[in-house]
Each structure stands twice: as structure tokens, then as C-alpha cells.
Amino acid sequence: MLTRKNKLILLKLLSLFSVVRGYNILIIVFAQYLTSIFILAPRIRIRNVILDPNLFVIVLASAGVIAAGYIINNFYDKEKDLINRPQKTMLDRLVSQRTKLTGYFVLNFLSVVCASYVSFRAVVFFSLYIFGIWLYSHKLKKFPIVGNIVASLLAITPFFAVFIYYKNFDEVIFVHATFLLLMLVMREMIKDLGNLRGDLAQNYKTIPIVYGELISKRIVSVLILASGVPIYLLLTRYEIGYMYLYFYSCIALLIMFLLGLWQSKGRTHYVWLHNILKLIIVVGTFSIILIDVNMVLDRVLW
């Protein structure tokens, strides 16, 4: 039996994990490694990619900055989240604001120290990334369109870190990145639609508040159609192996998403739509391995 003190400690650890979105960070770590193995460095032995100390440090620094970003975002959004996510907010409040801010500064500092192991350019890159996250959380997220685009760009910035490290400028990488960016922008807009009450109470100038739900749905619909371009290119112009199964599934899910979007009328519906986009993004991460299944076996044996 756990004592009351042990239960409190366990709850606080769970609260901290919730604040930094530990599950999201784990997915991003996997995504960075899979992207490195199958897209950015396909000719390098898998073991050498995984055991590359520079890549490990870049991924570690990315995880630290992202965790710090979730903390500062939680700090600025505490009032809004109390309205939109009351149950999650009660769990997050088990960790004091002072502890959160201390964690924010410590994580950012350690991330920059880690980056210094790789190069001075890595230090500059992560320093700008930290500033960008703070600027978004403090100011930019309150503005329509700009906030959505900046949030999406910040979400894919960790992939630019490994992209710059490997210096791989193949066209297919940008097509993959375009598809991911469109999914992220749509996800941000759906979050805004679901957070109307809290955003309105805190005077956030999001697209649904400034232009209305109807215009927001039209913009998301256009983004769905736009996502068809990178999907078409990846299916017809590039060698993506069995990953074509993922993109055909995406077409089906996006059609279902579009139909659900125009039927949605409240927060519960938008949560479901957000989960569909999250599923597309997460499954896409692990589907990278389908680009060349045989290559996995061959490179393991190198």
C-alpha cells in the first residue's frame, strides 16, 4: 500500500509528465530517428545512425526545448485551460508555477549546453528555437493566422535540426514536410475551434473568434484539398515503398474528417476531429519504416 506522501509524489510526477506532454516528446524522438534513418541518411548503416553521438545530442536538446516549451505554454494558458480543460488543469496545478518556471529555465539551459557539444551553429539554432517558442506563447498565439502558422512551424523545427545536420536537400523531403505542415496547421485551427470559450474569455484573437466558425471551416476545407497535392506527388513521383498504404489511408481519413467538420457543432465534435489529425500525424511517424522494409534488414546486417 502506498502512503499518502508517496501517492502525492506519484501524482506530482504524473502532473509534471502531463505538463510537458511526455507522450508527445517520445513520439517526436522516434520521429527524428526514423526520419534520419529512412529519409535523411538512407545509405548509412542503421546502427551507425542510432549510435551517432551528435544525433543523440540533437534529439536530446530538441526534447528538452520542447518540454520547456510545453511548460511556458502551460504557464501562459493557465486561465484559458481552466475553462477549456478543467480536469487536466486540476492535475497540472499539482505542480506549482514556481517549480514549472524553474524547470523551464533549467531545461532550456541544459538543451543549449547539449547543443554546444555539436557546434556553435547548433547553439544558435536552439537558442533561436527557445526564443521562438517563448515569443509564440507570450504574444503570437493570440493573433489569427500568424499564431497558427508559427505554432505549426515550431512543431516541425526539431526535424529541421536533424535535416541541417545531415545536409540532405532532396526534393522529396520538402514534399513530406509540406504534408506534415498542412496537417499541423489544420490541427491548430481545429484546436482553436474547440477552445472558443477559453480563447474568448482571455481575449485571444483566433480565426474562429475574429472571422467566425464558418470561415474557419472553409479555410480548413481548403487546407484539406491542398494536402492532396503533396499526397499526389508522393504517390506518383517518388519512391515511397509500402508507405503508399499510409497515404491512401490518409485520403480516406481526410474525407471522413471533411464530412465530420461540416457536421460538427461543439467542443466534443472538434475533439474527435483533432484526434483524427493526431492519428494521421502519429501513424505517419511510424509509417516511415514502410518506405523500404527490405532496407531495414539489409542495413541491420551491414
C-alpha atoms as a PDB file:
ATOM      1  CA  MET A   1       0.000   0.000   0.000  1.00  0.00           C
ATOM      2  CA  LEU A   2       1.245   3.457  -0.943  1.00  0.00           C
ATOM      3  CA  THR A   3       1.360   6.033   1.805  1.00  0.00           C
ATOM      4  CA  ARG A   4      -0.357   9.399   1.379  1.00  0.00           C
ATOM      5  CA  LYS A   5       3.022  11.069   0.857  1.00  0.00           C
ATOM      6  CA  ASN A   6       4.025   8.555  -1.830  1.00  0.00           C
ATOM      7  CA  LYS A   7       0.675   8.997  -3.568  1.00  0.00           C
ATOM      8  CA  LEU A   8       1.194  12.769  -3.598  1.00  0.00           C
ATOM      9  CA  ILE A   9       4.679  12.358  -5.079  1.00  0.00           C
ATOM     10  CA  LEU A  10       3.295   9.992  -7.722  1.00  0.00           C
ATOM     11  CA  LEU A  11       0.534  12.463  -8.579  1.00  0.00           C
ATOM     12  CA  LYS A  12       3.043  15.299  -8.885  1.00  0.00           C
ATOM     13  CA  LEU A  13       5.202  13.223 -11.236  1.00  0.00           C
ATOM     14  CA  LEU A  14       2.100  12.426 -13.276  1.00  0.00           C
ATOM     15  CA  SER A  15       1.249  16.134 -13.265  1.00  0.00           C
ATOM     16  CA  LEU A  16       4.727  17.053 -14.490  1.00  0.00           C
ATOM     17  CA  PHE A  17       4.505  14.408 -17.224  1.00  0.00           C
ATOM     18  CA  SER A  18       1.139  15.910 -18.228  1.00  0.00           C
ATOM     19  CA  VAL A  19       2.528  19.457 -18.307  1.00  0.00           C
ATOM     20  CA  VAL A  20       5.486  18.574 -20.550  1.00  0.00           C
ATOM     21  CA  ARG A  21       3.333  16.237 -22.681  1.00  0.00           C
ATOM     22  CA  GLY A  22       5.787  13.380 -22.227  1.00  0.00           C
ATOM     23  CA  TYR A  23       3.933  11.159 -24.692  1.00  0.00           C
ATOM     24  CA  ASN A  24       4.282  13.787 -27.448  1.00  0.00           C
ATOM     25  CA  ILE A  25       8.005  14.153 -26.783  1.00  0.00           C
ATOM     26  CA  LEU A  26       8.527  10.384 -27.049  1.00  0.00           C
ATOM     27  CA  ILE A  27       6.763  10.384 -30.431  1.00  0.00           C
ATOM     28  CA  ILE A  28       8.929  13.286 -31.651  1.00  0.00           C
ATOM     29  CA  VAL A  29      12.084  11.441 -30.546  1.00  0.00           C
ATOM     30  CA  PHE A  30      11.011   8.346 -32.504  1.00  0.00           C
ATOM     31  CA  ALA A  31      10.094  10.537 -35.472  1.00  0.00           C
ATOM     32  CA  GLN A  32      13.509  12.228 -35.523  1.00  0.00           C
ATOM     33  CA  TYR A  33      15.309   8.894 -35.503  1.00  0.00           C
ATOM     34  CA  LEU A  34      13.051   7.287 -38.112  1.00  0.00           C
ATOM     35  CA  THR A  35      13.333  10.348 -40.351  1.00  0.00           C
ATOM     36  CA  SER A  36      17.108  10.225 -40.017  1.00  0.00           C
ATOM     37  CA  ILE A  37      17.280   6.504 -40.803  1.00  0.00           C
ATOM     38  CA  PHE A  38      14.851   6.285 -43.729  1.00  0.00           C
ATOM     39  CA  ILE A  39      14.766   9.747 -45.297  1.00  0.00           C
ATOM     40  CA  LEU A  40      17.782  11.855 -44.357  1.00  0.00           C
ATOM     41  CA  ALA A  41      20.513   9.205 -44.158  1.00  0.00           C
ATOM     42  CA  PRO A  42      19.207   6.162 -46.083  1.00  0.00           C
ATOM     43  CA  ARG A  43      22.706   4.994 -47.096  1.00  0.00           C
ATOM     44  CA  ILE A  44      24.186   4.946 -43.619  1.00  0.00           C
ATOM     45  CA  ARG A  45      24.066   1.781 -41.538  1.00  0.00           C
ATOM     46  CA  ILE A  46      21.153   1.839 -39.077  1.00  0.00           C
ATOM     47  CA  ARG A  47      23.373   1.080 -36.085  1.00  0.00           C
ATOM     48  CA  ASN A  48      25.675   3.965 -37.011  1.00  0.00           C
ATOM     49  CA  VAL A  49      22.727   6.367 -37.192  1.00  0.00           C
ATOM     50  CA  ILE A  50      21.298   5.227 -33.866  1.00  0.00           C
ATOM     51  CA  LEU A  51      24.690   5.332 -32.125  1.00  0.00           C
ATOM     52  CA  ASP A  52      25.726   8.670 -33.633  1.00  0.00           C
ATOM     53  CA  PRO A  53      26.520  10.825 -30.544  1.00  0.00           C
ATOM     54  CA  ASN A  54      25.846  14.105 -32.387  1.00  0.00           C
ATOM     55  CA  LEU A  55      22.393  12.958 -33.470  1.00  0.00           C
ATOM     56  CA  PHE A  56      21.662  11.761 -29.928  1.00  0.00           C
ATOM     57  CA  VAL A  57      22.610  15.186 -28.532  1.00  0.00           C
ATOM     58  CA  ILE A  58      20.464  16.979 -31.132  1.00  0.00           C
ATOM     59  CA  VAL A  59      17.470  14.778 -30.280  1.00  0.00           C
ATOM     60  CA  LEU A  60      18.116  15.247 -26.538  1.00  0.00           C
ATOM     61  CA  ALA A  61      18.348  19.038 -26.914  1.00  0.00           C
ATOM     62  CA  SER A  62      15.160  19.038 -29.015  1.00  0.00           C
ATOM     63  CA  ALA A  63      13.312  17.069 -26.337  1.00  0.00           C
ATOM     64  CA  GLY A  64      14.494  19.481 -23.637  1.00  0.00           C
ATOM     65  CA  VAL A  65      13.429  22.600 -25.561  1.00  0.00           C
ATOM     66  CA  ILE A  66      10.061  21.071 -26.466  1.00  0.00           C
ATOM     67  CA  ALA A  67       9.413  20.097 -22.832  1.00  0.00           C
ATOM     68  CA  ALA A  68      10.335  23.640 -21.749  1.00  0.00           C
ATOM     69  CA  GLY A  69       8.036  24.976 -24.457  1.00  0.00           C
ATOM     70  CA  TYR A  70       5.090  22.999 -23.092  1.00  0.00           C
ATOM     71  CA  ILE A  71       5.858  24.354 -19.622  1.00  0.00           C
ATOM     72  CA  ILE A  72       5.887  28.021 -20.672  1.00  0.00           C
ATOM     73  CA  ASN A  73       2.792  27.481 -22.814  1.00  0.00           C
ATOM     74  CA  ASN A  74       1.038  25.928 -19.820  1.00  0.00           C
ATOM     75  CA  PHE A  75       2.145  28.884 -17.684  1.00  0.00           C
ATOM     76  CA  TYR A  76       0.635  31.489 -20.015  1.00  0.00           C
ATOM     77  CA  ASP A  77      -2.509  29.441 -20.733  1.00  0.00           C
ATOM     78  CA  LYS A  78      -3.420  28.540 -17.154  1.00  0.00           C
ATOM     79  CA  GLU A  79      -6.615  30.658 -17.115  1.00  0.00           C
ATOM     80  CA  LYS A  80      -7.744  29.600 -20.585  1.00  0.00           C
ATOM     81  CA  ASP A  81      -7.104  25.905 -19.886  1.00  0.00           C
ATOM     82  CA  LEU A  82      -9.133  26.157 -16.687  1.00  0.00           C
ATOM     83  CA  ILE A  83     -12.153  26.854 -18.907  1.00  0.00           C
ATOM     84  CA  ASN A  84     -11.349  24.525 -21.823  1.00  0.00           C
ATOM     85  CA  ARG A  85      -9.728  21.608 -19.964  1.00  0.00           C
ATOM     86  CA  PRO A  86     -10.768  21.801 -16.303  1.00  0.00           C
ATOM     87  CA  GLN A  87      -9.872  18.196 -15.415  1.00  0.00           C
ATOM     88  CA  LYS A  88      -6.407  18.313 -16.994  1.00  0.00           C
ATOM     89  CA  THR A  89      -5.797  21.730 -15.433  1.00  0.00           C
ATOM     90  CA  MET A  90      -6.558  20.425 -11.954  1.00  0.00           C
ATOM     91  CA  LEU A  91      -3.926  17.724 -12.469  1.00  0.00           C
ATOM     92  CA  ASP A  92      -1.396  20.224 -13.871  1.00  0.00           C
ATOM     93  CA  ARG A  93      -1.868  22.538 -10.884  1.00  0.00           C
ATOM     94  CA  LEU A  94      -0.394  19.929  -8.518  1.00  0.00           C
ATOM     95  CA  VAL A  95       2.976  21.330  -9.616  1.00  0.00           C
ATOM     96  CA  SER A  96       3.469  24.947  -8.526  1.00  0.00           C
ATOM     97  CA  GLN A  97       4.047  27.746 -11.027  1.00  0.00           C
ATOM     98  CA  ARG A  98       7.434  28.415  -9.418  1.00  0.00           C
ATOM     99  CA  THR A  99       8.504  24.804  -9.969  1.00  0.00           C
ATOM    100  CA  LYS A 100       7.317  24.969 -13.573  1.00  0.00           C
ATOM    101  CA  LEU A 101       9.297  28.142 -14.282  1.00  0.00           C
ATOM    102  CA  THR A 102      12.400  26.673 -12.636  1.00  0.00           C
ATOM    103  CA  GLY A 103      12.026  23.590 -14.830  1.00  0.00           C
ATOM    104  CA  TYR A 104      11.584  25.837 -17.880  1.00  0.00           C
ATOM    105  CA  PHE A 105      14.873  27.653 -17.351  1.00  0.00           C
ATOM    106  CA  VAL A 106      16.795  24.510 -16.353  1.00  0.00           C
ATOM    107  CA  LEU A 107      15.614  22.535 -19.397  1.00  0.00           C
ATOM    108  CA  ASN A 108      16.462  25.359 -21.791  1.00  0.00           C
ATOM    109  CA  PHE A 109      19.882  25.855 -20.236  1.00  0.00           C
ATOM    110  CA  LEU A 110      20.724  22.138 -20.386  1.00  0.00           C
ATOM    111  CA  SER A 111      19.488  21.959 -24.000  1.00  0.00           C
ATOM    112  CA  VAL A 112      21.819  24.769 -25.070  1.00  0.00           C
ATOM    113  CA  VAL A 113      24.697  23.117 -23.179  1.00  0.00           C
ATOM    114  CA  CYS A 114      23.980  19.864 -25.034  1.00  0.00           C
ATOM    115  CA  ALA A 115      23.871  21.738 -28.353  1.00  0.00           C
ATOM    116  CA  SER A 116      27.328  23.170 -27.651  1.00  0.00           C
ATOM    117  CA  TYR A 117      28.676  19.605 -27.894  1.00  0.00           C
ATOM    118  CA  VAL A 118      27.692  19.521 -31.581  1.00  0.00           C
ATOM    119  CA  SER A 119      28.665  23.003 -32.791  1.00  0.00           C
ATOM    120  CA  PHE A 120      28.240  26.730 -32.276  1.00  0.00           C
ATOM    121  CA  ARG A 121      25.632  26.722 -35.065  1.00  0.00           C
ATOM    122  CA  ALA A 122      23.617  24.206 -33.056  1.00  0.00           C
ATOM    123  CA  VAL A 123      23.756  26.567 -30.057  1.00  0.00           C
ATOM    124  CA  VAL A 124      22.444  29.431 -32.209  1.00  0.00           C
ATOM    125  CA  PHE A 125      19.754  27.189 -33.720  1.00  0.00           C
ATOM    126  CA  PHE A 126      18.392  26.030 -30.363  1.00  0.00           C
ATOM    127  CA  SER A 127      18.701  29.495 -28.818  1.00  0.00           C
ATOM    128  CA  LEU A 128      16.522  30.891 -31.621  1.00  0.00           C
ATOM    129  CA  TYR A 129      14.141  27.949 -31.198  1.00  0.00           C
ATOM    130  CA  ILE A 130      13.778  28.727 -27.477  1.00  0.00           C
ATOM    131  CA  PHE A 131      13.140  32.403 -28.232  1.00  0.00           C
ATOM    132  CA  GLY A 132      10.607  31.491 -30.925  1.00  0.00           C
ATOM    133  CA  ILE A 133       8.633  29.269 -28.542  1.00  0.00           C
ATOM    134  CA  TRP A 134       8.607  31.981 -25.863  1.00  0.00           C
ATOM    135  CA  LEU A 135       7.514  34.660 -28.352  1.00  0.00           C
ATOM    136  CA  TYR A 136       4.727  32.410 -29.620  1.00  0.00           C
ATOM    137  CA  SER A 137       3.492  31.542 -26.115  1.00  0.00           C
ATOM    138  CA  HIS A 138       3.689  35.132 -24.871  1.00  0.00           C
ATOM    139  CA  LYS A 139       2.409  37.078 -27.893  1.00  0.00           C
ATOM    140  CA  LEU A 140       1.950  35.456 -31.280  1.00  0.00           C
ATOM    141  CA  LYS A 141      -0.566  32.755 -30.330  1.00  0.00           C
ATOM    142  CA  LYS A 142      -3.147  35.460 -29.629  1.00  0.00           C
ATOM    143  CA  PHE A 143      -3.187  36.605 -33.261  1.00  0.00           C
ATOM    144  CA  PRO A 144      -5.213  34.923 -36.031  1.00  0.00           C
ATOM    145  CA  ILE A 145      -3.433  33.059 -38.840  1.00  0.00           C
ATOM    146  CA  VAL A 146       0.040  34.138 -37.633  1.00  0.00           C
ATOM    147  CA  GLY A 147      -0.366  32.131 -34.425  1.00  0.00           C
ATOM    148  CA  ASN A 148      -1.500  29.013 -36.308  1.00  0.00           C
ATOM    149  CA  ILE A 149       1.345  29.151 -38.825  1.00  0.00           C
ATOM    150  CA  VAL A 150       4.032  29.882 -36.214  1.00  0.00           C
ATOM    151  CA  ALA A 151       2.778  27.044 -33.970  1.00  0.00           C
ATOM    152  CA  SER A 152       2.955  24.620 -36.901  1.00  0.00           C
ATOM    153  CA  LEU A 153       6.443  25.771 -37.904  1.00  0.00           C
ATOM    154  CA  LEU A 154       7.674  25.403 -34.329  1.00  0.00           C
ATOM    155  CA  ALA A 155       6.242  21.866 -34.261  1.00  0.00           C
ATOM    156  CA  ILE A 156       8.369  20.778 -37.251  1.00  0.00           C
ATOM    157  CA  THR A 157      11.504  22.703 -36.192  1.00  0.00           C
ATOM    158  CA  PRO A 158      13.032  19.607 -34.455  1.00  0.00           C
ATOM    159  CA  PHE A 159      13.063  17.903 -37.860  1.00  0.00           C
ATOM    160  CA  PHE A 160      14.946  20.854 -39.339  1.00  0.00           C
ATOM    161  CA  ALA A 161      17.606  20.268 -36.672  1.00  0.00           C
ATOM    162  CA  VAL A 162      18.405  16.770 -37.998  1.00  0.00           C
ATOM    163  CA  PHE A 163      17.794  17.938 -41.572  1.00  0.00           C
ATOM    164  CA  ILE A 164      20.533  20.566 -41.228  1.00  0.00           C
ATOM    165  CA  TYR A 165      22.817  18.061 -39.501  1.00  0.00           C
ATOM    166  CA  TYR A 166      22.666  15.581 -42.407  1.00  0.00           C
ATOM    167  CA  LYS A 167      22.605  18.335 -45.093  1.00  0.00           C
ATOM    168  CA  ASN A 168      20.232  16.284 -47.217  1.00  0.00           C
ATOM    169  CA  PHE A 169      18.357  18.591 -49.606  1.00  0.00           C
ATOM    170  CA  ASP A 170      16.408  16.023 -51.635  1.00  0.00           C
ATOM    171  CA  GLU A 171      13.135  17.369 -53.035  1.00  0.00           C
ATOM    172  CA  VAL A 172      11.092  14.532 -51.518  1.00  0.00           C
ATOM    173  CA  ILE A 173      11.963  15.767 -48.017  1.00  0.00           C
ATOM    174  CA  PHE A 174      10.264  19.097 -48.677  1.00  0.00           C
ATOM    175  CA  VAL A 175       7.181  17.328 -50.046  1.00  0.00           C
ATOM    176  CA  HIS A 176       6.925  15.214 -46.875  1.00  0.00           C
ATOM    177  CA  ALA A 177       7.449  18.375 -44.784  1.00  0.00           C
ATOM    178  CA  THR A 178       4.708  20.216 -46.697  1.00  0.00           C
ATOM    179  CA  PHE A 179       2.200  17.450 -45.979  1.00  0.00           C
ATOM    180  CA  LEU A 180       3.134  17.428 -42.287  1.00  0.00           C
ATOM    181  CA  LEU A 181       2.922  21.223 -42.083  1.00  0.00           C
ATOM    182  CA  LEU A 182      -0.586  21.236 -43.586  1.00  0.00           C
ATOM    183  CA  MET A 183      -1.724  18.613 -41.063  1.00  0.00           C
ATOM    184  CA  LEU A 184      -0.293  20.679 -38.218  1.00  0.00           C
ATOM    185  CA  VAL A 185      -1.917  23.924 -39.405  1.00  0.00           C
ATOM    186  CA  MET A 186      -5.278  22.142 -39.620  1.00  0.00           C
ATOM    187  CA  ARG A 187      -4.772  20.698 -36.155  1.00  0.00           C
ATOM    188  CA  GLU A 188      -4.071  24.167 -34.741  1.00  0.00           C
ATOM    189  CA  MET A 189      -7.231  25.539 -36.342  1.00  0.00           C
ATOM    190  CA  ILE A 190      -9.355  22.679 -35.012  1.00  0.00           C
ATOM    191  CA  LYS A 191      -7.898  23.331 -31.553  1.00  0.00           C
ATOM    192  CA  ASP A 192      -8.981  26.963 -31.885  1.00  0.00           C
ATOM    193  CA  LEU A 193     -12.497  25.882 -32.847  1.00  0.00           C
ATOM    194  CA  GLY A 194     -12.653  23.640 -29.790  1.00  0.00           C
ATOM    195  CA  ASN A 195     -11.232  26.298 -27.467  1.00  0.00           C
ATOM    196  CA  LEU A 196     -13.636  29.097 -28.357  1.00  0.00           C
ATOM    197  CA  ARG A 197     -14.893  29.668 -24.802  1.00  0.00           C
ATOM    198  CA  GLY A 198     -11.475  29.935 -23.206  1.00  0.00           C
ATOM    199  CA  ASP A 199      -9.978  31.993 -26.051  1.00  0.00           C
ATOM    200  CA  LEU A 200     -12.899  34.416 -25.952  1.00  0.00           C
ATOM    201  CA  ALA A 201     -12.613  34.804 -22.173  1.00  0.00           C
ATOM    202  CA  GLN A 202      -8.873  35.566 -22.437  1.00  0.00           C
ATOM    203  CA  ASN A 203      -9.279  37.895 -25.440  1.00  0.00           C
ATOM    204  CA  TYR A 204      -7.340  35.699 -27.866  1.00  0.00           C
ATOM    205  CA  LYS A 205      -7.840  36.856 -31.467  1.00  0.00           C
ATOM    206  CA  THR A 206      -8.016  33.447 -33.112  1.00  0.00           C
ATOM    207  CA  ILE A 207      -9.505  32.817 -36.562  1.00  0.00           C
ATOM    208  CA  PRO A 208     -12.845  31.431 -35.219  1.00  0.00           C
ATOM    209  CA  ILE A 209     -13.254  34.451 -32.930  1.00  0.00           C
ATOM    210  CA  VAL A 210     -12.285  37.108 -35.489  1.00  0.00           C
ATOM    211  CA  TYR A 211     -13.839  35.585 -38.623  1.00  0.00           C
ATOM    212  CA  GLY A 212     -16.333  33.063 -37.244  1.00  0.00           C
ATOM    213  CA  GLU A 213     -16.723  29.278 -37.351  1.00  0.00           C
ATOM    214  CA  LEU A 214     -17.995  29.205 -40.934  1.00  0.00           C
ATOM    215  CA  ILE A 215     -14.892  30.930 -42.353  1.00  0.00           C
ATOM    216  CA  SER A 216     -12.690  28.700 -40.192  1.00  0.00           C
ATOM    217  CA  LYS A 217     -14.325  25.577 -41.618  1.00  0.00           C
ATOM    218  CA  ARG A 218     -13.859  26.881 -45.142  1.00  0.00           C
ATOM    219  CA  ILE A 219     -10.164  27.527 -44.526  1.00  0.00           C
ATOM    220  CA  VAL A 220      -9.694  24.027 -43.084  1.00  0.00           C
ATOM    221  CA  SER A 221     -11.538  22.592 -46.109  1.00  0.00           C
ATOM    222  CA  VAL A 222      -9.149  24.407 -48.454  1.00  0.00           C
ATOM    223  CA  LEU A 223      -6.191  23.042 -46.470  1.00  0.00           C
ATOM    224  CA  ILE A 224      -7.586  19.509 -46.841  1.00  0.00           C
ATOM    225  CA  LEU A 225      -7.742  19.991 -50.618  1.00  0.00           C
ATOM    226  CA  ALA A 226      -4.225  21.483 -50.583  1.00  0.00           C
ATOM    227  CA  SER A 227      -2.916  18.407 -48.743  1.00  0.00           C
ATOM    228  CA  GLY A 228      -3.940  16.390 -51.780  1.00  0.00           C
ATOM    229  CA  VAL A 229      -1.046  17.957 -53.727  1.00  0.00           C
ATOM    230  CA  PRO A 230       1.824  16.500 -51.623  1.00  0.00           C
ATOM    231  CA  ILE A 231      -0.097  13.213 -51.326  1.00  0.00           C
ATOM    232  CA  TYR A 232      -0.436  13.014 -55.128  1.00  0.00           C
ATOM    233  CA  LEU A 233       3.247  13.858 -55.645  1.00  0.00           C
ATOM    234  CA  LEU A 234       4.409  11.294 -53.098  1.00  0.00           C
ATOM    235  CA  LEU A 235       2.236   8.595 -54.650  1.00  0.00           C
ATOM    236  CA  THR A 236       3.191   9.285 -58.266  1.00  0.00           C
ATOM    237  CA  ARG A 237       6.617  10.938 -58.451  1.00  0.00           C
ATOM    238  CA  TYR A 238       8.657   9.456 -55.619  1.00  0.00           C
ATOM    239  CA  GLU A 239       9.631   6.002 -54.446  1.00  0.00           C
ATOM    240  CA  ILE A 240       7.962   5.571 -51.044  1.00  0.00           C
ATOM    241  CA  GLY A 241       7.667   1.775 -50.948  1.00  0.00           C
ATOM    242  CA  TYR A 242       4.778   0.433 -48.899  1.00  0.00           C
ATOM    243  CA  MET A 243       4.169   3.871 -47.407  1.00  0.00           C
ATOM    244  CA  TYR A 244       1.623   4.315 -50.198  1.00  0.00           C
ATOM    245  CA  LEU A 245      -0.737   2.335 -47.922  1.00  0.00           C
ATOM    246  CA  TYR A 246      -0.456   5.105 -45.334  1.00  0.00           C
ATOM    247  CA  PHE A 247      -1.254   7.866 -47.824  1.00  0.00           C
ATOM    248  CA  TYR A 248      -4.270   6.015 -49.245  1.00  0.00           C
ATOM    249  CA  SER A 249      -5.486   5.650 -45.660  1.00  0.00           C
ATOM    250  CA  CYS A 250      -4.911   9.394 -45.197  1.00  0.00           C
ATOM    251  CA  ILE A 251      -7.173  10.129 -48.164  1.00  0.00           C
ATOM    252  CA  ALA A 252      -9.962   8.071 -46.573  1.00  0.00           C
ATOM    253  CA  LEU A 253      -9.446   9.681 -43.161  1.00  0.00           C
ATOM    254  CA  LEU A 254      -9.356  13.204 -44.595  1.00  0.00           C
ATOM    255  CA  ILE A 255     -12.610  12.614 -46.493  1.00  0.00           C
ATOM    256  CA  MET A 256     -14.184  11.387 -43.246  1.00  0.00           C
ATOM    257  CA  PHE A 257     -12.652  14.384 -41.473  1.00  0.00           C
ATOM    258  CA  LEU A 258     -14.115  16.809 -44.029  1.00  0.00           C
ATOM    259  CA  LEU A 259     -17.594  15.327 -43.673  1.00  0.00           C
ATOM    260  CA  GLY A 260     -17.325  15.450 -39.883  1.00  0.00           C
ATOM    261  CA  LEU A 261     -16.066  19.033 -39.981  1.00  0.00           C
ATOM    262  CA  TRP A 262     -19.234  20.329 -41.606  1.00  0.00           C
ATOM    263  CA  GLN A 263     -21.409  18.331 -39.214  1.00  0.00           C
ATOM    264  CA  SER A 264     -19.554  19.461 -36.076  1.00  0.00           C
ATOM    265  CA  LYS A 265     -21.335  21.801 -33.680  1.00  0.00           C
ATOM    266  CA  GLY A 266     -19.483  21.727 -30.379  1.00  0.00           C
ATOM    267  CA  ARG A 267     -16.266  21.041 -28.492  1.00  0.00           C
ATOM    268  CA  THR A 268     -16.849  17.266 -28.350  1.00  0.00           C
ATOM    269  CA  HIS A 269     -17.010  17.083 -32.136  1.00  0.00           C
ATOM    270  CA  TYR A 270     -13.857  19.168 -32.516  1.00  0.00           C
ATOM    271  CA  VAL A 271     -12.003  16.917 -30.070  1.00  0.00           C
ATOM    272  CA  TRP A 272     -12.841  13.949 -32.323  1.00  0.00           C
ATOM    273  CA  LEU A 273     -11.648  15.853 -35.393  1.00  0.00           C
ATOM    274  CA  HIS A 274      -8.442  16.819 -33.562  1.00  0.00           C
ATOM    275  CA  ASN A 275      -7.877  13.149 -32.704  1.00  0.00           C
ATOM    276  CA  ILE A 276      -8.240  12.164 -36.378  1.00  0.00           C
ATOM    277  CA  LEU A 277      -5.492  14.607 -37.348  1.00  0.00           C
ATOM    278  CA  LYS A 278      -3.354  13.456 -34.437  1.00  0.00           C
ATOM    279  CA  LEU A 279      -3.808   9.853 -35.601  1.00  0.00           C
ATOM    280  CA  ILE A 280      -2.672  10.817 -39.119  1.00  0.00           C
ATOM    281  CA  ILE A 281       0.428  12.535 -37.736  1.00  0.00           C
ATOM    282  CA  VAL A 282       1.369   9.790 -35.255  1.00  0.00           C
ATOM    283  CA  VAL A 283       0.762   6.881 -37.646  1.00  0.00           C
ATOM    284  CA  GLY A 284       2.709   8.781 -40.300  1.00  0.00           C
ATOM    285  CA  THR A 285       5.682   8.850 -37.951  1.00  0.00           C
ATOM    286  CA  PHE A 286       5.842   5.083 -37.659  1.00  0.00           C
ATOM    287  CA  SER A 287       4.862   4.520 -41.302  1.00  0.00           C
ATOM    288  CA  ILE A 288       8.220   5.935 -42.394  1.00  0.00           C
ATOM    289  CA  ILE A 289       9.620   2.445 -41.882  1.00  0.00           C
ATOM    290  CA  LEU A 290       7.417   1.283 -44.786  1.00  0.00           C
ATOM    291  CA  ILE A 291       9.460   3.307 -47.282  1.00  0.00           C
ATOM    292  CA  ASP A 292      11.824   0.366 -47.634  1.00  0.00           C
ATOM    293  CA  VAL A 293      11.179  -2.634 -45.401  1.00  0.00           C
ATOM    294  CA  ASN A 294      13.899  -4.707 -47.118  1.00  0.00           C
ATOM    295  CA  MET A 295      16.401  -1.943 -46.496  1.00  0.00           C
ATOM    296  CA  VAL A 296      15.841  -2.387 -42.759  1.00  0.00           C
ATOM    297  CA  LEU A 297      17.031  -5.993 -42.895  1.00  0.00           C
ATOM    298  CA  ASP A 298      19.894  -5.252 -45.271  1.00  0.00           C
ATOM    299  CA  ARG A 299      21.236  -2.334 -43.260  1.00  0.00           C
ATOM    300  CA  VAL A 300      20.989  -4.188 -39.958  1.00  0.00           C
ATOM    301  CA  LEU A 301      23.253  -6.853 -41.440  1.00  0.00           C
ATOM    302  CA  TRP A 302      25.840  -4.380 -42.759  1.00  0.00           C
END
